[in-house]
């Protein structure tokens, strides 16, 4: 399933760093997102775009994950030649990530 089926995203920027908040539509899906949307998966998803570290911050009380992508904006807004210098499209691109389907309600978790 695509990540967009369970969450939406908001993106911001500061210099050459992009910040993507991934927010579950339903709080019941947060654990599934946290298990499958890791910093490593996000870094791999954006290989060729992100030149630095990807750091994930978990915000379980609001059902969100926050990713900080260092070196993601081609030098920053005033230096980048990219059409999307602020990186607003990165949130939408993250939502295209494939994750496993949710377990059926009442199903035992995989071992």
PDB file of N, CA and C in Angstrom:
ATOM      1  N   UNK A   1       0.843  -1.174   0.000  1.00  0.00           N
ATOM      2  CA  UNK A   1       0.000   0.000   0.000  1.00  0.00           C
ATOM      3  C   UNK A   1       0.887   1.236   0.000  1.00  0.00           C
ATOM      4  N   UNK A   2       0.368   2.287  -0.547  1.00  0.00           N
ATOM      5  CA  UNK A   2       1.093   3.559  -0.534  1.00  0.00           C
ATOM      6  C   UNK A   2       0.878   4.244   0.812  1.00  0.00           C
ATOM      7  N   UNK A   3       1.905   4.918   1.269  1.00  0.00           N
ATOM      8  CA  UNK A   3       1.860   5.631   2.537  1.00  0.00           C
ATOM      9  C   UNK A   3       0.703   6.625   2.582  1.00  0.00           C
ATOM     10  N   UNK A   4       0.360   7.205   1.448  1.00  0.00           N
ATOM     11  CA  UNK A   4      -0.713   8.210   1.400  1.00  0.00           C
ATOM     12  C   UNK A   4      -2.078   7.661   1.817  1.00  0.00           C
ATOM     13  N   UNK A   5      -2.221   6.337   1.837  1.00  0.00           N
ATOM     14  CA  UNK A   5      -3.482   5.745   2.269  1.00  0.00           C
ATOM     15  C   UNK A   5      -3.698   5.895   3.775  1.00  0.00           C
ATOM     16  N   UNK A   6      -2.615   6.076   4.529  1.00  0.00           N
ATOM     17  CA  UNK A   6      -2.711   6.150   5.990  1.00  0.00           C
ATOM     18  C   UNK A   6      -2.327   7.490   6.589  1.00  0.00           C
ATOM     19  N   UNK A   7      -1.694   8.361   5.788  1.00  0.00           N
ATOM     20  CA  UNK A   7      -1.159   9.595   6.377  1.00  0.00           C
ATOM     21  C   UNK A   7      -1.122  10.731   5.366  1.00  0.00           C
ATOM     22  N   UNK A   8      -0.959  11.927   5.901  1.00  0.00           N
ATOM     23  CA  UNK A   8      -0.702  13.094   5.060  1.00  0.00           C
ATOM     24  C   UNK A   8       0.590  13.730   5.540  1.00  0.00           C
ATOM     25  N   UNK A   9       1.115  14.673   4.780  1.00  0.00           N
ATOM     26  CA  UNK A   9       2.411  15.255   5.107  1.00  0.00           C
ATOM     27  C   UNK A   9       2.384  16.771   4.976  1.00  0.00           C
ATOM     28  N   UNK A  10       3.236  17.407   5.771  1.00  0.00           N
ATOM     29  CA  UNK A  10       3.482  18.853   5.689  1.00  0.00           C
ATOM     30  C   UNK A  10       4.993  19.032   5.604  1.00  0.00           C
ATOM     31  N   UNK A  11       5.423  19.944   4.768  1.00  0.00           N
ATOM     32  CA  UNK A  11       6.847  20.126   4.540  1.00  0.00           C
ATOM     33  C   UNK A  11       7.257  21.566   4.791  1.00  0.00           C
ATOM     34  N   UNK A  12       8.432  21.730   5.380  1.00  0.00           N
ATOM     35  CA  UNK A  12       9.004  23.055   5.596  1.00  0.00           C
ATOM     36  C   UNK A  12      10.483  23.017   5.262  1.00  0.00           C
ATOM     37  N   UNK A  13      11.115  24.173   5.286  1.00  0.00           N
ATOM     38  CA  UNK A  13      12.539  24.223   4.971  1.00  0.00           C
ATOM     39  C   UNK A  13      13.245  25.256   5.830  1.00  0.00           C
ATOM     40  N   UNK A  14      14.518  25.033   6.012  1.00  0.00           N
ATOM     41  CA  UNK A  14      15.407  25.983   6.681  1.00  0.00           C
ATOM     42  C   UNK A  14      16.774  25.777   6.053  1.00  0.00           C
ATOM     43  N   UNK A  15      17.189  26.738   5.251  1.00  0.00           N
ATOM     44  CA  UNK A  15      18.464  26.586   4.562  1.00  0.00           C
ATOM     45  C   UNK A  15      18.423  25.408   3.621  1.00  0.00           C
ATOM     46  N   UNK A  16      19.375  24.504   3.772  1.00  0.00           N
ATOM     47  CA  UNK A  16      19.489  23.338   2.912  1.00  0.00           C
ATOM     48  C   UNK A  16      18.852  22.102   3.547  1.00  0.00           C
ATOM     49  N   UNK A  17      18.019  22.310   4.561  1.00  0.00           N
ATOM     50  CA  UNK A  17      17.395  21.218   5.294  1.00  0.00           C
ATOM     51  C   UNK A  17      15.892  21.228   5.065  1.00  0.00           C
ATOM     52  N   UNK A  18      15.346  20.051   4.775  1.00  0.00           N
ATOM     53  CA  UNK A  18      13.898  19.898   4.628  1.00  0.00           C
ATOM     54  C   UNK A  18      13.357  19.187   5.852  1.00  0.00           C
ATOM     55  N   UNK A  19      12.176  19.584   6.263  1.00  0.00           N
ATOM     56  CA  UNK A  19      11.503  19.014   7.419  1.00  0.00           C
ATOM     57  C   UNK A  19      10.154  18.491   6.929  1.00  0.00           C
ATOM     58  N   UNK A  20       9.907  17.183   7.113  1.00  0.00           N
ATOM     59  CA  UNK A  20       8.647  16.594   6.658  1.00  0.00           C
ATOM     60  C   UNK A  20       7.934  15.982   7.859  1.00  0.00           C
ATOM     61  N   UNK A  21       6.745  16.478   8.137  1.00  0.00           N
ATOM     62  CA  UNK A  21       5.892  15.899   9.173  1.00  0.00           C
ATOM     63  C   UNK A  21       4.947  14.927   8.493  1.00  0.00           C
ATOM     64  N   UNK A  22       4.917  13.702   9.000  1.00  0.00           N
ATOM     65  CA  UNK A  22       4.038  12.649   8.487  1.00  0.00           C
ATOM     66  C   UNK A  22       2.999  12.396   9.570  1.00  0.00           C
ATOM     67  N   UNK A  23       1.732  12.663   9.265  1.00  0.00           N
ATOM     68  CA  UNK A  23       0.672  12.610  10.269  1.00  0.00           C
ATOM     69  C   UNK A  23      -0.354  11.557   9.874  1.00  0.00           C
ATOM     70  N   UNK A  24      -0.588  10.598  10.788  1.00  0.00           N
ATOM     71  CA  UNK A  24      -1.570   9.540  10.531  1.00  0.00           C
ATOM     72  C   UNK A  24      -2.973  10.140  10.484  1.00  0.00           C
ATOM     73  N   UNK A  25      -3.779   9.688   9.537  1.00  0.00           N
ATOM     74  CA  UNK A  25      -5.188  10.095   9.510  1.00  0.00           C
ATOM     75  C   UNK A  25      -5.914   9.563  10.739  1.00  0.00           C
ATOM     76  N   UNK A  26      -5.555   8.344  11.141  1.00  0.00           N
ATOM     77  CA  UNK A  26      -6.193   7.674  12.265  1.00  0.00           C
ATOM     78  C   UNK A  26      -5.098   7.290  13.256  1.00  0.00           C
ATOM     79  N   UNK A  27      -5.243   7.688  14.513  1.00  0.00           N
ATOM     80  CA  UNK A  27      -4.231   7.394  15.530  1.00  0.00           C
ATOM     81  C   UNK A  27      -3.953   5.895  15.650  1.00  0.00           C
ATOM     82  N   UNK A  28      -4.922   5.062  15.307  1.00  0.00           N
ATOM     83  CA  UNK A  28      -4.742   3.615  15.377  1.00  0.00           C
ATOM     84  C   UNK A  28      -3.685   3.117  14.386  1.00  0.00           C
ATOM     85  N   UNK A  29      -3.358   3.908  13.380  1.00  0.00           N
ATOM     86  CA  UNK A  29      -2.365   3.511  12.381  1.00  0.00           C
ATOM     87  C   UNK A  29      -0.953   3.976  12.724  1.00  0.00           C
ATOM     88  N   UNK A  30      -0.797   4.743  13.792  1.00  0.00           N
ATOM     89  CA  UNK A  30       0.517   5.305  14.133  1.00  0.00           C
ATOM     90  C   UNK A  30       1.579   4.221  14.309  1.00  0.00           C
ATOM     91  N   UNK A  31       1.297   3.173  15.058  1.00  0.00           N
ATOM     92  CA  UNK A  31       2.303   2.127  15.310  1.00  0.00           C
ATOM     93  C   UNK A  31       2.742   1.458  14.008  1.00  0.00           C
ATOM     94  N   UNK A  32       1.803   1.252  13.096  1.00  0.00           N
ATOM     95  CA  UNK A  32       2.139   0.663  11.797  1.00  0.00           C
ATOM     96  C   UNK A  32       3.084   1.595  11.033  1.00  0.00           C
ATOM     97  N   UNK A  33       2.792   2.878  11.051  1.00  0.00           N
ATOM     98  CA  UNK A  33       3.665   3.851  10.387  1.00  0.00           C
ATOM     99  C   UNK A  33       5.041   3.866  11.043  1.00  0.00           C
ATOM    100  N   UNK A  34       5.062   3.914  12.370  1.00  0.00           N
ATOM    101  CA  UNK A  34       6.339   3.972  13.090  1.00  0.00           C
ATOM    102  C   UNK A  34       7.200   2.738  12.805  1.00  0.00           C
ATOM    103  N   UNK A  35       6.571   1.592  12.630  1.00  0.00           N
ATOM    104  CA  UNK A  35       7.312   0.362  12.370  1.00  0.00           C
ATOM    105  C   UNK A  35       7.889   0.314  10.955  1.00  0.00           C
ATOM    106  N   UNK A  36       7.225   0.959  10.001  1.00  0.00           N
ATOM    107  CA  UNK A  36       7.611   0.795   8.603  1.00  0.00           C
ATOM    108  C   UNK A  36       8.188   2.033   7.931  1.00  0.00           C
ATOM    109  N   UNK A  37       8.079   3.188   8.551  1.00  0.00           N
ATOM    110  CA  UNK A  37       8.629   4.409   7.954  1.00  0.00           C
ATOM    111  C   UNK A  37       9.782   4.870   8.849  1.00  0.00           C
ATOM    112  N   UNK A  38      10.935   4.277   8.596  1.00  0.00           N
ATOM    113  CA  UNK A  38      12.130   4.557   9.382  1.00  0.00           C
ATOM    114  C   UNK A  38      12.981   5.624   8.696  1.00  0.00           C
ATOM    115  N   UNK A  39      13.934   6.153   9.424  1.00  0.00           N
ATOM    116  CA  UNK A  39      14.868   7.121   8.833  1.00  0.00           C
ATOM    117  C   UNK A  39      15.621   6.478   7.666  1.00  0.00           C
ATOM    118  N   UNK A  40      15.977   5.207   7.821  1.00  0.00           N
ATOM    119  CA  UNK A  40      16.714   4.510   6.764  1.00  0.00           C
ATOM    120  C   UNK A  40      15.867   4.353   5.498  1.00  0.00           C
ATOM    121  N   UNK A  41      14.587   4.015   5.671  1.00  0.00           N
ATOM    122  CA  UNK A  41      13.700   3.872   4.502  1.00  0.00           C
ATOM    123  C   UNK A  41      13.506   5.217   3.807  1.00  0.00           C
ATOM    124  N   UNK A  42      13.366   6.279   4.596  1.00  0.00           N
ATOM    125  CA  UNK A  42      13.184   7.613   4.012  1.00  0.00           C
ATOM    126  C   UNK A  42      14.447   8.034   3.276  1.00  0.00           C
ATOM    127  N   UNK A  43      15.605   7.783   3.870  1.00  0.00           N
ATOM    128  CA  UNK A  43      16.874   8.133   3.206  1.00  0.00           C
ATOM    129  C   UNK A  43      16.996   7.382   1.879  1.00  0.00           C
ATOM    130  N   UNK A  44      16.667   6.102   1.877  1.00  0.00           N
ATOM    131  CA  UNK A  44      16.734   5.306   0.645  1.00  0.00           C
ATOM    132  C   UNK A  44      15.722   5.820  -0.387  1.00  0.00           C
ATOM    133  N   UNK A  45      14.541   6.190   0.073  1.00  0.00           N
ATOM    134  CA  UNK A  45      13.503   6.706  -0.827  1.00  0.00           C
ATOM    135  C   UNK A  45      13.975   7.982  -1.534  1.00  0.00           C
ATOM    136  N   UNK A  46      14.756   8.787  -0.820  1.00  0.00           N
ATOM    137  CA  UNK A  46      15.238  10.055  -1.374  1.00  0.00           C
ATOM    138  C   UNK A  46      16.701  10.017  -1.795  1.00  0.00           C
ATOM    139  N   UNK A  47      17.237   8.803  -2.044  1.00  0.00           N
ATOM    140  CA  UNK A  47      18.627   8.718  -2.491  1.00  0.00           C
ATOM    141  C   UNK A  47      18.761   9.520  -3.786  1.00  0.00           C
ATOM    142  N   UNK A  48      19.862  10.185  -3.928  1.00  0.00           N
ATOM    143  CA  UNK A  48      20.069  11.044  -5.092  1.00  0.00           C
ATOM    144  C   UNK A  48      19.569  12.461  -4.855  1.00  0.00           C
ATOM    145  N   UNK A  49      18.777  12.663  -3.807  1.00  0.00           N
ATOM    146  CA  UNK A  49      18.277  14.002  -3.463  1.00  0.00           C
ATOM    147  C   UNK A  49      18.904  14.461  -2.155  1.00  0.00           C
ATOM    148  N   UNK A  50      18.852  13.603  -1.141  1.00  0.00           N
ATOM    149  CA  UNK A  50      19.371  13.947   0.181  1.00  0.00           C
ATOM    150  C   UNK A  50      20.846  13.587   0.254  1.00  0.00           C
ATOM    151  N   UNK A  51      21.699  14.562   0.586  1.00  0.00           N
ATOM    152  CA  UNK A  51      23.137  14.312   0.652  1.00  0.00           C
ATOM    153  C   UNK A  51      23.638  14.147   2.084  1.00  0.00           C
ATOM    154  N   UNK A  52      22.804  14.432   3.059  1.00  0.00           N
ATOM    155  CA  UNK A  52      23.212  14.323   4.459  1.00  0.00           C
ATOM    156  C   UNK A  52      22.385  13.308   5.211  1.00  0.00           C
ATOM    157  N   UNK A  53      22.325  13.494   6.516  1.00  0.00           N
ATOM    158  CA  UNK A  53      21.612  12.575   7.394  1.00  0.00           C
ATOM    159  C   UNK A  53      20.101  12.775   7.316  1.00  0.00           C
ATOM    160  N   UNK A  54      19.378  11.702   7.619  1.00  0.00           N
ATOM    161  CA  UNK A  54      17.927  11.762   7.817  1.00  0.00           C
ATOM    162  C   UNK A  54      17.683  11.362   9.264  1.00  0.00           C
ATOM    163  N   UNK A  55      17.044  12.249  10.007  1.00  0.00           N
ATOM    164  CA  UNK A  55      16.748  12.001  11.413  1.00  0.00           C
ATOM    165  C   UNK A  55      15.247  11.935  11.597  1.00  0.00           C
ATOM    166  N   UNK A  56      14.780  10.934  12.357  1.00  0.00           N
ATOM    167  CA  UNK A  56      13.353  10.782  12.612  1.00  0.00           C
ATOM    168  C   UNK A  56      13.063  11.096  14.070  1.00  0.00           C
ATOM    169  N   UNK A  57      12.006  11.865  14.284  1.00  0.00           N
ATOM    170  CA  UNK A  57      11.510  12.164  15.619  1.00  0.00           C
ATOM    171  C   UNK A  57      10.096  11.610  15.721  1.00  0.00           C
ATOM    172  N   UNK A  58       9.849  10.812  16.752  1.00  0.00           N
ATOM    173  CA  UNK A  58       8.531  10.214  16.951  1.00  0.00           C
ATOM    174  C   UNK A  58       7.685  11.116  17.844  1.00  0.00           C
ATOM    175  N   UNK A  59       6.443  11.326  17.438  1.00  0.00           N
ATOM    176  CA  UNK A  59       5.490  12.149  18.190  1.00  0.00           C
ATOM    177  C   UNK A  59       4.208  11.333  18.381  1.00  0.00           C
ATOM    178  N   UNK A  60       4.266  10.288  19.210  1.00  0.00           N
ATOM    179  CA  UNK A  60       3.133   9.368  19.323  1.00  0.00           C
ATOM    180  C   UNK A  60       1.853  10.006  19.859  1.00  0.00           C
ATOM    181  N   UNK A  61       1.959  11.012  20.699  1.00  0.00           N
ATOM    182  CA  UNK A  61       0.742  11.609  21.273  1.00  0.00           C
ATOM    183  C   UNK A  61      -0.094  12.334  20.224  1.00  0.00           C
ATOM    184  N   UNK A  62       0.534  12.725  19.127  1.00  0.00           N
ATOM    185  CA  UNK A  62      -0.239  13.357  18.046  1.00  0.00           C
ATOM    186  C   UNK A  62      -0.263  12.481  16.789  1.00  0.00           C
ATOM    187  N   UNK A  63       0.245  11.249  16.902  1.00  0.00           N
ATOM    188  CA  UNK A  63       0.194  10.315  15.775  1.00  0.00           C
ATOM    189  C   UNK A  63       1.034  10.749  14.597  1.00  0.00           C
ATOM    190  N   UNK A  64       2.227  11.281  14.878  1.00  0.00           N
ATOM    191  CA  UNK A  64       3.044  11.832  13.800  1.00  0.00           C
ATOM    192  C   UNK A  64       4.504  11.399  13.918  1.00  0.00           C
ATOM    193  N   UNK A  65       5.169  11.436  12.798  1.00  0.00           N
ATOM    194  CA  UNK A  65       6.619  11.259  12.711  1.00  0.00           C
ATOM    195  C   UNK A  65       7.162  12.500  12.023  1.00  0.00           C
ATOM    196  N   UNK A  66       8.281  12.997  12.493  1.00  0.00           N
ATOM    197  CA  UNK A  66       8.892  14.165  11.875  1.00  0.00           C
ATOM    198  C   UNK A  66      10.270  13.765  11.355  1.00  0.00           C
ATOM    199  N   UNK A  67      10.540  14.045  10.088  1.00  0.00           N
ATOM    200  CA  UNK A  67      11.810  13.710   9.463  1.00  0.00           C
ATOM    201  C   UNK A  67      12.549  14.989   9.108  1.00  0.00           C
ATOM    202  N   UNK A  68      13.823  15.037   9.473  1.00  0.00           N
ATOM    203  CA  UNK A  68      14.697  16.151   9.125  1.00  0.00           C
ATOM    204  C   UNK A  68      15.707  15.613   8.117  1.00  0.00           C
ATOM    205  N   UNK A  69      15.670  16.165   6.915  1.00  0.00           N
ATOM    206  CA  UNK A  69      16.517  15.715   5.813  1.00  0.00           C
ATOM    207  C   UNK A  69      17.580  16.772   5.560  1.00  0.00           C
ATOM    208  N   UNK A  70      18.805  16.490   5.976  1.00  0.00           N
ATOM    209  CA  UNK A  70      19.910  17.434   5.826  1.00  0.00           C
ATOM    210  C   UNK A  70      20.489  17.334   4.417  1.00  0.00           C
ATOM    211  N   UNK A  71      20.757  18.475   3.820  1.00  0.00           N
ATOM    212  CA  UNK A  71      21.331  18.472   2.476  1.00  0.00           C
ATOM    213  C   UNK A  71      20.335  18.028   1.428  1.00  0.00           C
ATOM    214  N   UNK A  72      19.092  18.471   1.555  1.00  0.00           N
ATOM    215  CA  UNK A  72      18.037  18.002   0.653  1.00  0.00           C
ATOM    216  C   UNK A  72      17.577  19.036  -0.369  1.00  0.00           C
ATOM    217  N   UNK A  73      18.068  20.263  -0.260  1.00  0.00           N
ATOM    218  CA  UNK A  73      17.480  21.327  -1.074  1.00  0.00           C
ATOM    219  C   UNK A  73      18.468  22.016  -2.011  1.00  0.00           C
ATOM    220  N   UNK A  74      19.475  21.307  -2.439  1.00  0.00           N
ATOM    221  CA  UNK A  74      20.398  21.859  -3.429  1.00  0.00           C
ATOM    222  C   UNK A  74      21.098  23.125  -2.987  1.00  0.00           C
ATOM    223  N   UNK A  75      21.372  23.251  -1.697  1.00  0.00           N
ATOM    224  CA  UNK A  75      22.064  24.431  -1.179  1.00  0.00           C
ATOM    225  C   UNK A  75      21.153  25.421  -0.488  1.00  0.00           C
ATOM    226  N   UNK A  76      19.853  25.267  -0.621  1.00  0.00           N
ATOM    227  CA  UNK A  76      18.899  26.178   0.010  1.00  0.00           C
ATOM    228  C   UNK A  76      18.212  27.057  -1.020  1.00  0.00           C
ATOM    229  N   UNK A  77      17.189  27.740  -0.590  1.00  0.00           N
ATOM    230  CA  UNK A  77      16.329  28.514  -1.497  1.00  0.00           C
ATOM    231  C   UNK A  77      17.091  29.529  -2.333  1.00  0.00           C
ATOM    232  N   UNK A  78      18.001  30.260  -1.727  1.00  0.00           N
ATOM    233  CA  UNK A  78      18.693  31.314  -2.473  1.00  0.00           C
ATOM    234  C   UNK A  78      19.819  30.792  -3.352  1.00  0.00           C
ATOM    235  N   UNK A  79      20.173  29.508  -3.209  1.00  0.00           N
ATOM    236  CA  UNK A  79      21.268  28.938  -3.993  1.00  0.00           C
ATOM    237  C   UNK A  79      20.815  27.882  -4.988  1.00  0.00           C
ATOM    238  N   UNK A  80      19.666  27.280  -4.739  1.00  0.00           N
ATOM    239  CA  UNK A  80      19.210  26.162  -5.553  1.00  0.00           C
ATOM    240  C   UNK A  80      18.671  26.623  -6.900  1.00  0.00           C
ATOM    241  N   UNK A  81      18.915  25.816  -7.908  1.00  0.00           N
ATOM    242  CA  UNK A  81      18.344  26.061  -9.239  1.00  0.00           C
ATOM    243  C   UNK A  81      17.106  25.203  -9.474  1.00  0.00           C
ATOM    244  N   UNK A  82      16.696  24.468  -8.443  1.00  0.00           N
ATOM    245  CA  UNK A  82      15.534  23.589  -8.556  1.00  0.00           C
ATOM    246  C   UNK A  82      14.247  24.396  -8.710  1.00  0.00           C
ATOM    247  N   UNK A  83      13.282  23.849  -9.426  1.00  0.00           N
ATOM    248  CA  UNK A  83      11.987  24.506  -9.559  1.00  0.00           C
ATOM    249  C   UNK A  83      11.263  24.565  -8.220  1.00  0.00           C
ATOM    250  N   UNK A  84      11.487  23.565  -7.368  1.00  0.00           N
ATOM    251  CA  UNK A  84      10.864  23.493  -6.052  1.00  0.00           C
ATOM    252  C   UNK A  84      11.940  23.740  -4.997  1.00  0.00           C
ATOM    253  N   UNK A  85      12.470  24.946  -4.958  1.00  0.00           N
ATOM    254  CA  UNK A  85      13.589  25.271  -4.075  1.00  0.00           C
ATOM    255  C   UNK A  85      13.248  25.099  -2.601  1.00  0.00           C
ATOM    256  N   UNK A  86      11.981  25.264  -2.231  1.00  0.00           N
ATOM    257  CA  UNK A  86      11.553  25.087  -0.838  1.00  0.00           C
ATOM    258  C   UNK A  86      11.339  23.620  -0.489  1.00  0.00           C
ATOM    259  N   UNK A  87      11.291  22.751  -1.490  1.00  0.00           N
ATOM    260  CA  UNK A  87      11.121  21.321  -1.257  1.00  0.00           C
ATOM    261  C   UNK A  87       9.721  20.918  -0.849  1.00  0.00           C
ATOM    262  N   UNK A  88       8.723  21.722  -1.182  1.00  0.00           N
ATOM    263  CA  UNK A  88       7.341  21.398  -0.793  1.00  0.00           C
ATOM    264  C   UNK A  88       6.873  20.085  -1.409  1.00  0.00           C
ATOM    265  N   UNK A  89       7.378  19.728  -2.557  1.00  0.00           N
ATOM    266  CA  UNK A  89       6.990  18.487  -3.209  1.00  0.00           C
ATOM    267  C   UNK A  89       7.544  17.237  -2.526  1.00  0.00           C
ATOM    268  N   UNK A  90       8.519  17.407  -1.633  1.00  0.00           N
ATOM    269  CA  UNK A  90       9.103  16.241  -0.964  1.00  0.00           C
ATOM    270  C   UNK A  90       8.086  15.530  -0.078  1.00  0.00           C
ATOM    271  N   UNK A  91       7.175  16.265   0.526  1.00  0.00           N
ATOM    272  CA  UNK A  91       6.130  15.639   1.338  1.00  0.00           C
ATOM    273  C   UNK A  91       5.258  14.727   0.493  1.00  0.00           C
ATOM    274  N   UNK A  92       4.872  15.199  -0.666  1.00  0.00           N
ATOM    275  CA  UNK A  92       4.066  14.391  -1.576  1.00  0.00           C
ATOM    276  C   UNK A  92       4.862  13.192  -2.071  1.00  0.00           C
ATOM    277  N   UNK A  93       6.139  13.398  -2.350  1.00  0.00           N
ATOM    278  CA  UNK A  93       6.987  12.292  -2.802  1.00  0.00           C
ATOM    279  C   UNK A  93       7.125  11.226  -1.721  1.00  0.00           C
ATOM    280  N   UNK A  94       7.208  11.637  -0.458  1.00  0.00           N
ATOM    281  CA  UNK A  94       7.292  10.662   0.626  1.00  0.00           C
ATOM    282  C   UNK A  94       6.026   9.821   0.690  1.00  0.00           C
ATOM    283  N   UNK A  95       4.883  10.414   0.427  1.00  0.00           N
ATOM    284  CA  UNK A  95       3.616   9.685   0.490  1.00  0.00           C
ATOM    285  C   UNK A  95       3.507   8.601  -0.580  1.00  0.00           C
ATOM    286  N   UNK A  96       4.419   8.600  -1.535  1.00  0.00           N
ATOM    287  CA  UNK A  96       4.445   7.574  -2.569  1.00  0.00           C
ATOM    288  C   UNK A  96       5.225   6.327  -2.127  1.00  0.00           C
ATOM    289  N   UNK A  97       5.778   6.357  -0.926  1.00  0.00           N
ATOM    290  CA  UNK A  97       6.525   5.223  -0.380  1.00  0.00           C
ATOM    291  C   UNK A  97       5.597   4.023  -0.186  1.00  0.00           C
ATOM    292  N   UNK A  98       6.057   2.852  -0.603  1.00  0.00           N
ATOM    293  CA  UNK A  98       5.299   1.618  -0.394  1.00  0.00           C
ATOM    294  C   UNK A  98       5.586   1.073   1.000  1.00  0.00           C
ATOM    295  N   UNK A  99       4.516   0.725   1.716  1.00  0.00           N
ATOM    296  CA  UNK A  99       4.642   0.085   3.016  1.00  0.00           C
ATOM    297  C   UNK A  99       3.733  -1.144   3.010  1.00  0.00           C
ATOM    298  N   UNK A 100       3.990  -2.113   3.916  1.00  0.00           N
ATOM    299  CA  UNK A 100       3.112  -3.289   3.974  1.00  0.00           C
ATOM    300  C   UNK A 100       1.681  -2.887   4.336  1.00  0.00           C
ATOM    301  N   UNK A 101       0.726  -3.681   3.883  1.00  0.00           N
ATOM    302  CA  UNK A 101      -0.670  -3.444   4.259  1.00  0.00           C
ATOM    303  C   UNK A 101      -0.809  -3.561   5.762  1.00  0.00           C
ATOM    304  N   UNK A 102      -1.795  -2.856   6.309  1.00  0.00           N
ATOM    305  CA  UNK A 102      -2.101  -2.968   7.733  1.00  0.00           C
ATOM    306  C   UNK A 102      -2.592  -4.376   8.036  1.00  0.00           C
ATOM    307  N   UNK A 103      -2.281  -4.883   9.229  1.00  0.00           N
ATOM    308  CA  UNK A 103      -2.873  -6.155   9.603  1.00  0.00           C
ATOM    309  C   UNK A 103      -4.390  -5.991   9.750  1.00  0.00           C
ATOM    310  N   UNK A 104      -5.119  -7.045   9.467  1.00  0.00           N
ATOM    311  CA  UNK A 104      -6.568  -6.995   9.627  1.00  0.00           C
ATOM    312  C   UNK A 104      -6.905  -6.770  11.099  1.00  0.00           C
ATOM    313  N   UNK A 105      -8.022  -6.118  11.354  1.00  0.00           N
ATOM    314  CA  UNK A 105      -8.446  -5.859  12.724  1.00  0.00           C
ATOM    315  C   UNK A 105      -8.552  -7.177  13.490  1.00  0.00           C
ATOM    316  N   UNK A 106      -7.954  -7.239  14.669  1.00  0.00           N
ATOM    317  CA  UNK A 106      -8.009  -8.431  15.487  1.00  0.00           C
ATOM    318  C   UNK A 106      -6.969  -9.485  15.132  1.00  0.00           C
ATOM    319  N   UNK A 107      -6.201  -9.272  14.063  1.00  0.00           N
ATOM    320  CA  UNK A 107      -5.183 -10.250  13.662  1.00  0.00           C
ATOM    321  C   UNK A 107      -3.986 -10.163  14.595  1.00  0.00           C
ATOM    322  N   UNK A 108      -3.354 -11.268  14.817  1.00  0.00           N
ATOM    323  CA  UNK A 108      -2.147 -11.294  15.644  1.00  0.00           C
ATOM    324  C   UNK A 108      -1.012 -10.611  14.891  1.00  0.00           C
ATOM    325  N   UNK A 109      -0.154  -9.867  15.591  1.00  0.00           N
ATOM    326  CA  UNK A 109       0.981  -9.225  14.906  1.00  0.00           C
ATOM    327  C   UNK A 109       1.936 -10.273  14.347  1.00  0.00           C
ATOM    328  N   UNK A 110       2.631  -9.955  13.245  1.00  0.00           N
ATOM    329  CA  UNK A 110       3.577 -10.913  12.656  1.00  0.00           C
ATOM    330  C   UNK A 110       4.734 -11.174  13.605  1.00  0.00           C
ATOM    331  N   UNK A 111       5.296 -12.372  13.522  1.00  0.00           N
ATOM    332  CA  UNK A 111       6.455 -12.721  14.376  1.00  0.00           C
ATOM    333  C   UNK A 111       7.714 -12.684  13.596  1.00  0.00           C
TER     334      UNK A 111
END
